[in-house]
Each structure stands twice: as C-alpha cells, then as structure tokens.
PDB file of all heavy atoms in Angstrom:
ATOM      1  N   ASN A   1       0.842  -1.188   0.000  1.00  0.00           N
ATOM      2  CA  ASN A   1       0.000   0.000   0.000  1.00  0.00           C
ATOM      3  C   ASN A   1       0.883   1.245   0.000  1.00  0.00           C
ATOM      4  O   ASN A   1       1.984   1.229   0.549  1.00  0.00           O
ATOM      5  CB  ASN A   1      -0.916   0.018   1.223  1.00  0.00           C
ATOM      6  CG  ASN A   1      -2.131   0.901   1.059  1.00  0.00           C
ATOM      7  OD1 ASN A   1      -2.281   1.607   0.067  1.00  0.00           O
ATOM      8  ND2 ASN A   1      -3.014   0.869   2.043  1.00  0.00           N
ATOM      9  N   LYS A   2       0.386   2.283  -0.621  1.00  0.00           N
ATOM     10  CA  LYS A   2       1.034   3.594  -0.613  1.00  0.00           C
ATOM     11  C   LYS A   2      -0.045   4.578  -0.211  1.00  0.00           C
ATOM     12  O   LYS A   2      -1.043   4.728  -0.910  1.00  0.00           O
ATOM     13  CB  LYS A   2       1.601   3.910  -1.999  1.00  0.00           C
ATOM     14  CG  LYS A   2       2.329   5.219  -2.072  1.00  0.00           C
ATOM     15  CD  LYS A   2       3.146   5.356  -3.354  1.00  0.00           C
ATOM     16  CE  LYS A   2       2.310   5.734  -4.536  1.00  0.00           C
ATOM     17  NZ  LYS A   2       3.127   6.103  -5.701  1.00  0.00           N
ATOM     18  N   ILE A   3       0.143   5.214   0.948  1.00  0.00           N
ATOM     19  CA  ILE A   3      -0.890   6.068   1.518  1.00  0.00           C
ATOM     20  C   ILE A   3      -0.508   7.533   1.326  1.00  0.00           C
ATOM     21  O   ILE A   3       0.509   7.986   1.854  1.00  0.00           O
ATOM     22  CB  ILE A   3      -1.077   5.771   3.018  1.00  0.00           C
ATOM     23  CG1 ILE A   3      -1.424   4.298   3.231  1.00  0.00           C
ATOM     24  CG2 ILE A   3      -2.136   6.678   3.624  1.00  0.00           C
ATOM     25  CD1 ILE A   3      -1.329   3.848   4.669  1.00  0.00           C
ATOM     26  N   LEU A   4      -1.324   8.262   0.587  1.00  0.00           N
ATOM     27  CA  LEU A   4      -1.110   9.699   0.413  1.00  0.00           C
ATOM     28  C   LEU A   4      -1.469  10.392   1.718  1.00  0.00           C
ATOM     29  O   LEU A   4      -2.595  10.302   2.198  1.00  0.00           O
ATOM     30  CB  LEU A   4      -1.966  10.253  -0.730  1.00  0.00           C
ATOM     31  CG  LEU A   4      -1.869  11.757  -0.960  1.00  0.00           C
ATOM     32  CD1 LEU A   4      -0.455  12.164  -1.378  1.00  0.00           C
ATOM     33  CD2 LEU A   4      -2.876  12.197  -2.017  1.00  0.00           C
ATOM     34  N   VAL A   5      -0.489  11.108   2.293  1.00  0.00           N
ATOM     35  CA  VAL A   5      -0.689  11.781   3.568  1.00  0.00           C
ATOM     36  C   VAL A   5      -0.807  13.286   3.377  1.00  0.00           C
ATOM     37  O   VAL A   5      -1.690  13.919   3.938  1.00  0.00           O
ATOM     38  CB  VAL A   5       0.465  11.460   4.552  1.00  0.00           C
ATOM     39  CG1 VAL A   5       0.352  12.268   5.832  1.00  0.00           C
ATOM     40  CG2 VAL A   5       0.488   9.965   4.861  1.00  0.00           C
ATOM     41  N   ASP A   6       0.093  13.866   2.568  1.00  0.00           N
ATOM     42  CA  ASP A   6       0.095  15.313   2.373  1.00  0.00           C
ATOM     43  C   ASP A   6       0.635  15.615   0.979  1.00  0.00           C
ATOM     44  O   ASP A   6       1.803  15.325   0.690  1.00  0.00           O
ATOM     45  CB  ASP A   6       0.959  15.984   3.439  1.00  0.00           C
ATOM     46  CG  ASP A   6       0.868  17.497   3.432  1.00  0.00           C
ATOM     47  OD1 ASP A   6       0.540  18.096   2.391  1.00  0.00           O
ATOM     48  OD2 ASP A   6       1.142  18.100   4.491  1.00  0.00           O
ATOM     49  N   ALA A   7      -0.175  16.195   0.128  1.00  0.00           N
ATOM     50  CA  ALA A   7       0.221  16.487  -1.251  1.00  0.00           C
ATOM     51  C   ALA A   7       1.379  17.484  -1.325  1.00  0.00           C
ATOM     52  O   ALA A   7       2.086  17.536  -2.331  1.00  0.00           O
ATOM     53  CB  ALA A   7      -0.975  17.017  -2.035  1.00  0.00           C
ATOM     54  N   LYS A   8       1.600  18.241  -0.263  1.00  0.00           N
ATOM     55  CA  LYS A   8       2.704  19.212  -0.235  1.00  0.00           C
ATOM     56  C   LYS A   8       3.986  18.592   0.316  1.00  0.00           C
ATOM     57  O   LYS A   8       5.045  19.199   0.229  1.00  0.00           O
ATOM     58  CB  LYS A   8       2.327  20.420   0.629  1.00  0.00           C
ATOM     59  CG  LYS A   8       1.149  21.194   0.078  1.00  0.00           C
ATOM     60  CD  LYS A   8       0.761  22.306   1.035  1.00  0.00           C
ATOM     61  CE  LYS A   8      -0.530  22.964   0.589  1.00  0.00           C
ATOM     62  NZ  LYS A   8      -1.051  23.871   1.595  1.00  0.00           N
ATOM     63  N   GLY A   9       3.893  17.435   0.902  1.00  0.00           N
ATOM     64  CA  GLY A   9       5.042  16.773   1.503  1.00  0.00           C
ATOM     65  C   GLY A   9       4.964  16.820   3.023  1.00  0.00           C
ATOM     66  O   GLY A   9       4.503  17.812   3.597  1.00  0.00           O
ATOM     67  N   ILE A  10       5.412  15.777   3.650  1.00  0.00           N
ATOM     68  CA  ILE A  10       5.362  15.650   5.109  1.00  0.00           C
ATOM     69  C   ILE A  10       6.569  16.371   5.710  1.00  0.00           C
ATOM     70  O   ILE A  10       7.699  16.166   5.285  1.00  0.00           O
ATOM     71  CB  ILE A  10       5.393  14.166   5.526  1.00  0.00           C
ATOM     72  CG1 ILE A  10       4.279  13.385   4.837  1.00  0.00           C
ATOM     73  CG2 ILE A  10       5.305  14.028   7.043  1.00  0.00           C
ATOM     74  CD1 ILE A  10       4.426  11.877   4.941  1.00  0.00           C
ATOM     75  N   GLU A  11       6.313  17.195   6.727  1.00  0.00           N
ATOM     76  CA  GLU A  11       7.403  17.860   7.439  1.00  0.00           C
ATOM     77  C   GLU A  11       7.670  17.127   8.748  1.00  0.00           C
ATOM     78  O   GLU A  11       6.739  16.822   9.487  1.00  0.00           O
ATOM     79  CB  GLU A  11       7.033  19.312   7.741  1.00  0.00           C
ATOM     80  CG  GLU A  11       7.004  20.198   6.520  1.00  0.00           C
ATOM     81  CD  GLU A  11       6.831  21.656   6.913  1.00  0.00           C
ATOM     82  OE1 GLU A  11       7.558  22.120   7.805  1.00  0.00           O
ATOM     83  OE2 GLU A  11       5.953  22.293   6.322  1.00  0.00           O
ATOM     84  N   ASN A  12       8.918  16.857   9.026  1.00  0.00           N
ATOM     85  CA  ASN A  12       9.348  16.232  10.282  1.00  0.00           C
ATOM     86  C   ASN A  12       8.518  15.012  10.677  1.00  0.00           C
ATOM     87  O   ASN A  12       7.935  14.973  11.755  1.00  0.00           O
ATOM     88  CB  ASN A  12       9.321  17.253  11.427  1.00  0.00           C
ATOM     89  CG  ASN A  12      10.217  18.425  11.160  1.00  0.00           C
ATOM     90  OD1 ASN A  12      11.294  18.280  10.593  1.00  0.00           O
ATOM     91  ND2 ASN A  12       9.771  19.609  11.555  1.00  0.00           N
ATOM     92  N   PRO A  13       8.459  13.995   9.832  1.00  0.00           N
ATOM     93  CA  PRO A  13       7.649  12.824  10.185  1.00  0.00           C
ATOM     94  C   PRO A  13       8.282  12.014  11.306  1.00  0.00           C
ATOM     95  O   PRO A  13       9.503  11.994  11.476  1.00  0.00           O
ATOM     96  CB  PRO A  13       7.636  12.010   8.884  1.00  0.00           C
ATOM     97  CG  PRO A  13       8.926  12.368   8.221  1.00  0.00           C
ATOM     98  CD  PRO A  13       9.157  13.819   8.561  1.00  0.00           C
ATOM     99  N   ALA A  14       7.433  11.365  12.079  1.00  0.00           N
ATOM    100  CA  ALA A  14       7.879  10.432  13.117  1.00  0.00           C
ATOM    101  C   ALA A  14       6.749   9.427  13.336  1.00  0.00           C
ATOM    102  O   ALA A  14       5.578   9.784  13.279  1.00  0.00           O
ATOM    103  CB  ALA A  14       8.194  11.170  14.409  1.00  0.00           C
ATOM    104  N   PHE A  15       7.126   8.179  13.579  1.00  0.00           N
ATOM    105  CA  PHE A  15       6.145   7.128  13.832  1.00  0.00           C
ATOM    106  C   PHE A  15       6.115   6.783  15.316  1.00  0.00           C
ATOM    107  O   PHE A  15       7.143   6.814  15.991  1.00  0.00           O
ATOM    108  CB  PHE A  15       6.500   5.843  13.068  1.00  0.00           C
ATOM    109  CG  PHE A  15       6.320   5.911  11.582  1.00  0.00           C
ATOM    110  CD1 PHE A  15       7.393   5.729  10.730  1.00  0.00           C
ATOM    111  CD2 PHE A  15       5.071   6.128  11.019  1.00  0.00           C
ATOM    112  CE1 PHE A  15       7.237   5.761   9.352  1.00  0.00           C
ATOM    113  CE2 PHE A  15       4.892   6.170   9.642  1.00  0.00           C
ATOM    114  CZ  PHE A  15       5.988   5.982   8.806  1.00  0.00           C
ATOM    115  N   ASN A  16       4.935   6.416  15.798  1.00  0.00           N
ATOM    116  CA  ASN A  16       4.750   5.859  17.135  1.00  0.00           C
ATOM    117  C   ASN A  16       3.966   4.566  17.008  1.00  0.00           C
ATOM    118  O   ASN A  16       3.069   4.454  16.178  1.00  0.00           O
ATOM    119  CB  ASN A  16       3.950   6.804  18.041  1.00  0.00           C
ATOM    120  CG  ASN A  16       4.792   7.906  18.609  1.00  0.00           C
ATOM    121  OD1 ASN A  16       5.977   7.737  18.851  1.00  0.00           O
ATOM    122  ND2 ASN A  16       4.168   9.054  18.824  1.00  0.00           N
ATOM    123  N   GLN A  17       4.289   3.614  17.859  1.00  0.00           N
ATOM    124  CA  GLN A  17       3.559   2.357  17.928  1.00  0.00           C
ATOM    125  C   GLN A  17       2.367   2.549  18.860  1.00  0.00           C
ATOM    126  O   GLN A  17       2.536   2.888  20.028  1.00  0.00           O
ATOM    127  CB  GLN A  17       4.485   1.269  18.479  1.00  0.00           C
ATOM    128  CG  GLN A  17       3.913  -0.106  18.504  1.00  0.00           C
ATOM    129  CD  GLN A  17       3.737  -0.695  17.131  1.00  0.00           C
ATOM    130  OE1 GLN A  17       2.617  -0.982  16.754  1.00  0.00           O
ATOM    131  NE2 GLN A  17       4.802  -0.870  16.401  1.00  0.00           N
ATOM    132  N   ARG A  18       1.174   2.414  18.342  1.00  0.00           N
ATOM    133  CA  ARG A  18      -0.052   2.493  19.128  1.00  0.00           C
ATOM    134  C   ARG A  18      -0.906   1.288  18.741  1.00  0.00           C
ATOM    135  O   ARG A  18      -1.873   1.418  18.002  1.00  0.00           O
ATOM    136  CB  ARG A  18      -0.816   3.796  18.854  1.00  0.00           C
ATOM    137  CG  ARG A  18      -0.072   5.038  19.238  1.00  0.00           C
ATOM    138  CD  ARG A  18      -0.067   5.221  20.763  1.00  0.00           C
ATOM    139  NE  ARG A  18       0.542   6.492  21.091  1.00  0.00           N
ATOM    140  CZ  ARG A  18       1.737   6.620  21.665  1.00  0.00           C
ATOM    141  NH1 ARG A  18       2.437   5.546  21.964  1.00  0.00           N
ATOM    142  NH2 ARG A  18       2.224   7.803  21.954  1.00  0.00           N
ATOM    143  N   GLU A  19      -0.493   0.123  19.233  1.00  0.00           N
ATOM    144  CA  GLU A  19      -1.120  -1.124  18.811  1.00  0.00           C
ATOM    145  C   GLU A  19      -2.626  -1.053  18.931  1.00  0.00           C
ATOM    146  O   GLU A  19      -3.123  -0.542  19.932  1.00  0.00           O
ATOM    147  CB  GLU A  19      -0.570  -2.296  19.620  1.00  0.00           C
ATOM    148  CG  GLU A  19       0.869  -2.601  19.270  1.00  0.00           C
ATOM    149  CD  GLU A  19       1.426  -3.790  20.023  1.00  0.00           C
ATOM    150  OE1 GLU A  19       0.661  -4.517  20.694  1.00  0.00           O
ATOM    151  OE2 GLU A  19       2.631  -3.997  19.949  1.00  0.00           O
ATOM    152  N   PRO A  20      -3.350  -1.501  17.936  1.00  0.00           N
ATOM    153  CA  PRO A  20      -2.871  -2.225  16.772  1.00  0.00           C
ATOM    154  C   PRO A  20      -2.484  -1.310  15.608  1.00  0.00           C
ATOM    155  O   PRO A  20      -2.224  -1.784  14.516  1.00  0.00           O
ATOM    156  CB  PRO A  20      -4.069  -3.090  16.387  1.00  0.00           C
ATOM    157  CG  PRO A  20      -5.250  -2.221  16.734  1.00  0.00           C
ATOM    158  CD  PRO A  20      -4.824  -1.471  17.982  1.00  0.00           C
ATOM    159  N   ASN A  21      -2.442  -0.007  15.837  1.00  0.00           N
ATOM    160  CA  ASN A  21      -2.178   0.955  14.769  1.00  0.00           C
ATOM    161  C   ASN A  21      -0.785   1.561  14.876  1.00  0.00           C
ATOM    162  O   ASN A  21      -0.083   1.363  15.859  1.00  0.00           O
ATOM    163  CB  ASN A  21      -3.221   2.082  14.810  1.00  0.00           C
ATOM    164  CG  ASN A  21      -4.635   1.562  14.735  1.00  0.00           C
ATOM    165  OD1 ASN A  21      -4.956   0.740  13.895  1.00  0.00           O
ATOM    166  ND2 ASN A  21      -5.484   2.018  15.630  1.00  0.00           N
ATOM    167  N   ILE A  22      -0.441   2.330  13.864  1.00  0.00           N
ATOM    168  CA  ILE A  22       0.776   3.131  13.842  1.00  0.00           C
ATOM    169  C   ILE A  22       0.334   4.583  13.749  1.00  0.00           C
ATOM    170  O   ILE A  22      -0.539   4.917  12.953  1.00  0.00           O
ATOM    171  CB  ILE A  22       1.665   2.785  12.618  1.00  0.00           C
ATOM    172  CG1 ILE A  22       2.106   1.319  12.660  1.00  0.00           C
ATOM    173  CG2 ILE A  22       2.847   3.732  12.511  1.00  0.00           C
ATOM    174  CD1 ILE A  22       3.070   0.972  13.775  1.00  0.00           C
ATOM    175  N   GLU A  23       0.922   5.442  14.560  1.00  0.00           N
ATOM    176  CA  GLU A  23       0.654   6.873  14.466  1.00  0.00           C
ATOM    177  C   GLU A  23       1.774   7.536  13.691  1.00  0.00           C
ATOM    178  O   GLU A  23       2.948   7.260  13.933  1.00  0.00           O
ATOM    179  CB  GLU A  23       0.605   7.520  15.846  1.00  0.00           C
ATOM    180  CG  GLU A  23      -0.659   7.345  16.593  1.00  0.00           C
ATOM    181  CD  GLU A  23      -0.676   8.106  17.899  1.00  0.00           C
ATOM    182  OE1 GLU A  23       0.376   8.573  18.371  1.00  0.00           O
ATOM    183  OE2 GLU A  23      -1.768   8.233  18.459  1.00  0.00           O
ATOM    184  N   LEU A  24       1.402   8.400  12.778  1.00  0.00           N
ATOM    185  CA  LEU A  24       2.360   9.251  12.076  1.00  0.00           C
ATOM    186  C   LEU A  24       2.224  10.637  12.683  1.00  0.00           C
ATOM    187  O   LEU A  24       1.165  11.262  12.610  1.00  0.00           O
ATOM    188  CB  LEU A  24       2.082   9.293  10.576  1.00  0.00           C
ATOM    189  CG  LEU A  24       2.949  10.258   9.773  1.00  0.00           C
ATOM    190  CD1 LEU A  24       4.419   9.845   9.813  1.00  0.00           C
ATOM    191  CD2 LEU A  24       2.460  10.349   8.336  1.00  0.00           C
ATOM    192  N   ILE A  25       3.300  11.094  13.304  1.00  0.00           N
ATOM    193  CA  ILE A  25       3.333  12.420  13.901  1.00  0.00           C
ATOM    194  C   ILE A  25       3.893  13.365  12.850  1.00  0.00           C
ATOM    195  O   ILE A  25       4.953  13.103  12.270  1.00  0.00           O
ATOM    196  CB  ILE A  25       4.231  12.455  15.158  1.00  0.00           C
ATOM    197  CG1 ILE A  25       3.866  11.329  16.128  1.00  0.00           C
ATOM    198  CG2 ILE A  25       4.169  13.822  15.823  1.00  0.00           C
ATOM    199  CD1 ILE A  25       2.463  11.347  16.638  1.00  0.00           C
ATOM    200  N   VAL A  26       3.181  14.449  12.592  1.00  0.00           N
ATOM    201  CA  VAL A  26       3.612  15.443  11.617  1.00  0.00           C
ATOM    202  C   VAL A  26       3.707  16.798  12.306  1.00  0.00           C
ATOM    203  O   VAL A  26       3.106  17.015  13.356  1.00  0.00           O
ATOM    204  CB  VAL A  26       2.663  15.501  10.396  1.00  0.00           C
ATOM    205  CG1 VAL A  26       2.740  14.219   9.590  1.00  0.00           C
ATOM    206  CG2 VAL A  26       1.237  15.756  10.821  1.00  0.00           C
ATOM    207  N   LYS A  27       4.456  17.710  11.685  1.00  0.00           N
ATOM    208  CA  LYS A  27       4.706  19.017  12.291  1.00  0.00           C
ATOM    209  C   LYS A  27       3.413  19.772  12.559  1.00  0.00           C
ATOM    210  O   LYS A  27       3.264  20.411  13.586  1.00  0.00           O
ATOM    211  CB  LYS A  27       5.621  19.832  11.384  1.00  0.00           C
ATOM    212  CG  LYS A  27       6.043  21.152  11.975  1.00  0.00           C
ATOM    213  CD  LYS A  27       7.014  21.868  11.077  1.00  0.00           C
ATOM    214  CE  LYS A  27       7.420  23.192  11.680  1.00  0.00           C
ATOM    215  NZ  LYS A  27       8.345  23.916  10.826  1.00  0.00           N
ATOM    216  N   THR A  28       2.495  19.694  11.625  1.00  0.00           N
ATOM    217  CA  THR A  28       1.241  20.425  11.788  1.00  0.00           C
ATOM    218  C   THR A  28       0.103  19.447  12.017  1.00  0.00           C
ATOM    219  O   THR A  28       0.000  18.411  11.361  1.00  0.00           O
ATOM    220  CB  THR A  28       0.927  21.239  10.517  1.00  0.00           C
ATOM    221  OG1 THR A  28       0.901  20.359   9.404  1.00  0.00           O
ATOM    222  CG2 THR A  28       1.978  22.309  10.287  1.00  0.00           C
ATOM    223  N   GLY A  29      -0.759  19.751  12.965  1.00  0.00           N
ATOM    224  CA  GLY A  29      -1.951  18.939  13.150  1.00  0.00           C
ATOM    225  C   GLY A  29      -1.794  17.776  14.103  1.00  0.00           C
ATOM    226  O   GLY A  29      -0.748  17.561  14.713  1.00  0.00           O
ATOM    227  N   ASN A  30      -2.865  17.009  14.197  1.00  0.00           N
ATOM    228  CA  ASN A  30      -2.930  15.847  15.076  1.00  0.00           C
ATOM    229  C   ASN A  30      -2.243  14.650  14.435  1.00  0.00           C
ATOM    230  O   ASN A  30      -2.094  14.597  13.208  1.00  0.00           O
ATOM    231  CB  ASN A  30      -4.393  15.501  15.355  1.00  0.00           C
ATOM    232  CG  ASN A  30      -5.086  16.593  16.155  1.00  0.00           C
ATOM    233  OD1 ASN A  30      -4.483  17.207  17.026  1.00  0.00           O
ATOM    234  ND2 ASN A  30      -6.350  16.822  15.845  1.00  0.00           N
ATOM    235  N   PRO A  31      -1.873  13.666  15.256  1.00  0.00           N
ATOM    236  CA  PRO A  31      -1.294  12.449  14.687  1.00  0.00           C
ATOM    237  C   PRO A  31      -2.264  11.795  13.709  1.00  0.00           C
ATOM    238  O   PRO A  31      -3.476  11.857  13.879  1.00  0.00           O
ATOM    239  CB  PRO A  31      -1.065  11.555  15.902  1.00  0.00           C
ATOM    240  CG  PRO A  31      -1.066  12.463  17.074  1.00  0.00           C
ATOM    241  CD  PRO A  31      -1.944  13.616  16.716  1.00  0.00           C
ATOM    242  N   ILE A  32      -1.698  11.167  12.681  1.00  0.00           N
ATOM    243  CA  ILE A  32      -2.481  10.448  11.684  1.00  0.00           C
ATOM    244  C   ILE A  32      -2.369   8.970  12.031  1.00  0.00           C
ATOM    245  O   ILE A  32      -1.265   8.429  12.117  1.00  0.00           O
ATOM    246  CB  ILE A  32      -1.954  10.734  10.267  1.00  0.00           C
ATOM    247  CG1 ILE A  32      -2.072  12.234   9.975  1.00  0.00           C
ATOM    248  CG2 ILE A  32      -2.704   9.908   9.242  1.00  0.00           C
ATOM    249  CD1 ILE A  32      -1.292  12.681   8.759  1.00  0.00           C
ATOM    250  N   VAL A  33      -3.511   8.326  12.235  1.00  0.00           N
ATOM    251  CA  VAL A  33      -3.529   6.925  12.641  1.00  0.00           C
ATOM    252  C   VAL A  33      -3.581   6.058  11.393  1.00  0.00           C
ATOM    253  O   VAL A  33      -4.460   6.215  10.541  1.00  0.00           O
ATOM    254  CB  VAL A  33      -4.726   6.634  13.575  1.00  0.00           C
ATOM    255  CG1 VAL A  33      -4.730   5.174  14.004  1.00  0.00           C
ATOM    256  CG2 VAL A  33      -4.679   7.552  14.804  1.00  0.00           C
ATOM    257  N   LEU A  34      -2.614   5.129  11.291  1.00  0.00           N
ATOM    258  CA  LEU A  34      -2.461   4.294  10.103  1.00  0.00           C
ATOM    259  C   LEU A  34      -2.608   2.816  10.428  1.00  0.00           C
ATOM    260  O   LEU A  34      -2.247   2.365  11.513  1.00  0.00           O
ATOM    261  CB  LEU A  34      -1.072   4.503   9.493  1.00  0.00           C
ATOM    262  CG  LEU A  34      -0.663   5.919   9.117  1.00  0.00           C
ATOM    263  CD1 LEU A  34       0.816   5.971   8.769  1.00  0.00           C
ATOM    264  CD2 LEU A  34      -1.498   6.412   7.951  1.00  0.00           C
ATOM    265  N   THR A  35      -3.122   2.090   9.452  1.00  0.00           N
ATOM    266  CA  THR A  35      -3.053   0.635   9.438  1.00  0.00           C
ATOM    267  C   THR A  35      -2.400   0.260   8.111  1.00  0.00           C
ATOM    268  O   THR A  35      -2.151   1.136   7.273  1.00  0.00           O
ATOM    269  CB  THR A  35      -4.452  -0.022   9.516  1.00  0.00           C
ATOM    270  OG1 THR A  35      -5.143   0.216   8.287  1.00  0.00           O
ATOM    271  CG2 THR A  35      -5.267   0.494  10.686  1.00  0.00           C
ATOM    272  N   SER A  36      -2.199  -1.005   7.886  1.00  0.00           N
ATOM    273  CA  SER A  36      -1.627  -1.422   6.601  1.00  0.00           C
ATOM    274  C   SER A  36      -2.595  -1.143   5.451  1.00  0.00           C
ATOM    275  O   SER A  36      -2.184  -1.090   4.298  1.00  0.00           O
ATOM    276  CB  SER A  36      -1.260  -2.902   6.633  1.00  0.00           C
ATOM    277  OG  SER A  36      -2.397  -3.685   6.925  1.00  0.00           O
ATOM    278  N   ASP A  37      -3.868  -0.919   5.763  1.00  0.00           N
ATOM    279  CA  ASP A  37      -4.877  -0.631   4.738  1.00  0.00           C
ATOM    280  C   ASP A  37      -5.015   0.854   4.423  1.00  0.00           C
ATOM    281  O   ASP A  37      -5.547   1.206   3.375  1.00  0.00           O
ATOM    282  CB  ASP A  37      -6.242  -1.177   5.163  1.00  0.00           C
ATOM    283  CG  ASP A  37      -6.271  -2.691   5.199  1.00  0.00           C
ATOM    284  OD1 ASP A  37      -5.577  -3.316   4.377  1.00  0.00           O
ATOM    285  OD2 ASP A  37      -6.985  -3.233   6.058  1.00  0.00           O
ATOM    286  N   GLY A  38      -4.584   1.720   5.311  1.00  0.00           N
ATOM    287  CA  GLY A  38      -4.722   3.157   5.056  1.00  0.00           C
ATOM    288  C   GLY A  38      -4.858   3.954   6.333  1.00  0.00           C
ATOM    289  O   GLY A  38      -4.498   3.513   7.415  1.00  0.00           O
ATOM    290  N   ILE A  39      -5.417   5.161   6.164  1.00  0.00           N
ATOM    291  CA  ILE A  39      -5.626   6.059   7.286  1.00  0.00           C
ATOM    292  C   ILE A  39      -6.915   5.636   7.987  1.00  0.00           C
ATOM    293  O   ILE A  39      -7.954   5.467   7.338  1.00  0.00           O
ATOM    294  CB  ILE A  39      -5.722   7.522   6.808  1.00  0.00           C
ATOM    295  CG1 ILE A  39      -4.395   7.942   6.167  1.00  0.00           C
ATOM    296  CG2 ILE A  39      -6.097   8.451   7.959  1.00  0.00           C
ATOM    297  CD1 ILE A  39      -4.434   9.307   5.487  1.00  0.00           C
ATOM    298  N   VAL A  40      -6.865   5.477   9.305  1.00  0.00           N
ATOM    299  CA  VAL A  40      -8.051   5.074  10.053  1.00  0.00           C
ATOM    300  C   VAL A  40      -9.087   6.180   9.924  1.00  0.00           C
ATOM    301  O   VAL A  40      -8.817   7.330  10.241  1.00  0.00           O
ATOM    302  CB  VAL A  40      -7.716   4.792  11.536  1.00  0.00           C
ATOM    303  CG1 VAL A  40      -8.978   4.556  12.343  1.00  0.00           C
ATOM    304  CG2 VAL A  40      -6.771   3.604  11.637  1.00  0.00           C
ATOM    305  N   GLY A  41     -10.252   5.800   9.432  1.00  0.00           N
ATOM    306  CA  GLY A  41     -11.319   6.757   9.222  1.00  0.00           C
ATOM    307  C   GLY A  41     -11.159   7.597   7.973  1.00  0.00           C
ATOM    308  O   GLY A  41     -11.984   8.451   7.691  1.00  0.00           O
ATOM    309  N   GLY A  42     -10.113   7.349   7.202  1.00  0.00           N
ATOM    310  CA  GLY A  42      -9.854   8.141   6.009  1.00  0.00           C
ATOM    311  C   GLY A  42     -10.284   7.429   4.742  1.00  0.00           C
ATOM    312  O   GLY A  42     -10.724   6.288   4.754  1.00  0.00           O
ATOM    313  N   LYS A  43     -10.094   8.111   3.626  1.00  0.00           N
ATOM    314  CA  LYS A  43     -10.537   7.575   2.340  1.00  0.00           C
ATOM    315  C   LYS A  43      -9.678   6.406   1.857  1.00  0.00           C
ATOM    316  O   LYS A  43     -10.105   5.636   1.026  1.00  0.00           O
ATOM    317  CB  LYS A  43     -10.543   8.679   1.278  1.00  0.00           C
ATOM    318  CG  LYS A  43      -9.175   9.260   1.007  1.00  0.00           C
ATOM    319  CD  LYS A  43      -9.239  10.385   0.022  1.00  0.00           C
ATOM    320  CE  LYS A  43      -7.849  10.978  -0.161  1.00  0.00           C
ATOM    321  NZ  LYS A  43      -7.854  12.238  -0.801  1.00  0.00           N
ATOM    322  N   ASN A  44      -8.450   6.244   2.408  1.00  0.00           N
ATOM    323  CA  ASN A  44      -7.583   5.158   1.973  1.00  0.00           C
ATOM    324  C   ASN A  44      -7.880   3.844   2.688  1.00  0.00           C
ATOM    325  O   ASN A  44      -7.426   2.803   2.268  1.00  0.00           O
ATOM    326  CB  ASN A  44      -6.110   5.514   2.209  1.00  0.00           C
ATOM    327  CG  ASN A  44      -5.617   6.572   1.258  1.00  0.00           C
ATOM    328  OD1 ASN A  44      -6.074   6.638   0.122  1.00  0.00           O
ATOM    329  ND2 ASN A  44      -4.706   7.392   1.713  1.00  0.00           N
ATOM    330  N   GLU A  45      -8.617   3.918   3.783  1.00  0.00           N
ATOM    331  CA  GLU A  45      -8.857   2.711   4.561  1.00  0.00           C
ATOM    332  C   GLU A  45      -9.789   1.757   3.815  1.00  0.00           C
ATOM    333  O   GLU A  45     -10.788   2.175   3.257  1.00  0.00           O
ATOM    334  CB  GLU A  45      -9.464   3.071   5.910  1.00  0.00           C
ATOM    335  CG  GLU A  45      -9.581   1.875   6.837  1.00  0.00           C
ATOM    336  CD  GLU A  45     -10.152   2.252   8.185  1.00  0.00           C
ATOM    337  OE1 GLU A  45     -11.016   3.127   8.260  1.00  0.00           O
ATOM    338  OE2 GLU A  45      -9.719   1.641   9.156  1.00  0.00           O
TER     339      GLU A  45
END
C-alpha cells in the first residue's frame, strides 16, 4: 500500500507504535492513525 498523507510533503515525520495501529506524527496537526490498509477513518482505509 502507498498512503497519500500530504500532497505538499510531510514535514518532520515520526512514527509511534499504538497497537494495533501506527501513528504518524507530523509538524502540523494531530497524529495520523495508520493501518496497513490506510488512514483510520480516512478515504484510503
């Protein structure tokens, strides 16, 4: 899977383990919750 997160590019990305999900921490905004299928609650899921 390839998950589009930010069309402008991600600034200062960092991952956190939040089982069963992965959080993507970005400079702006709240963490983005990911699974292998996509963004939790997002259009990629």
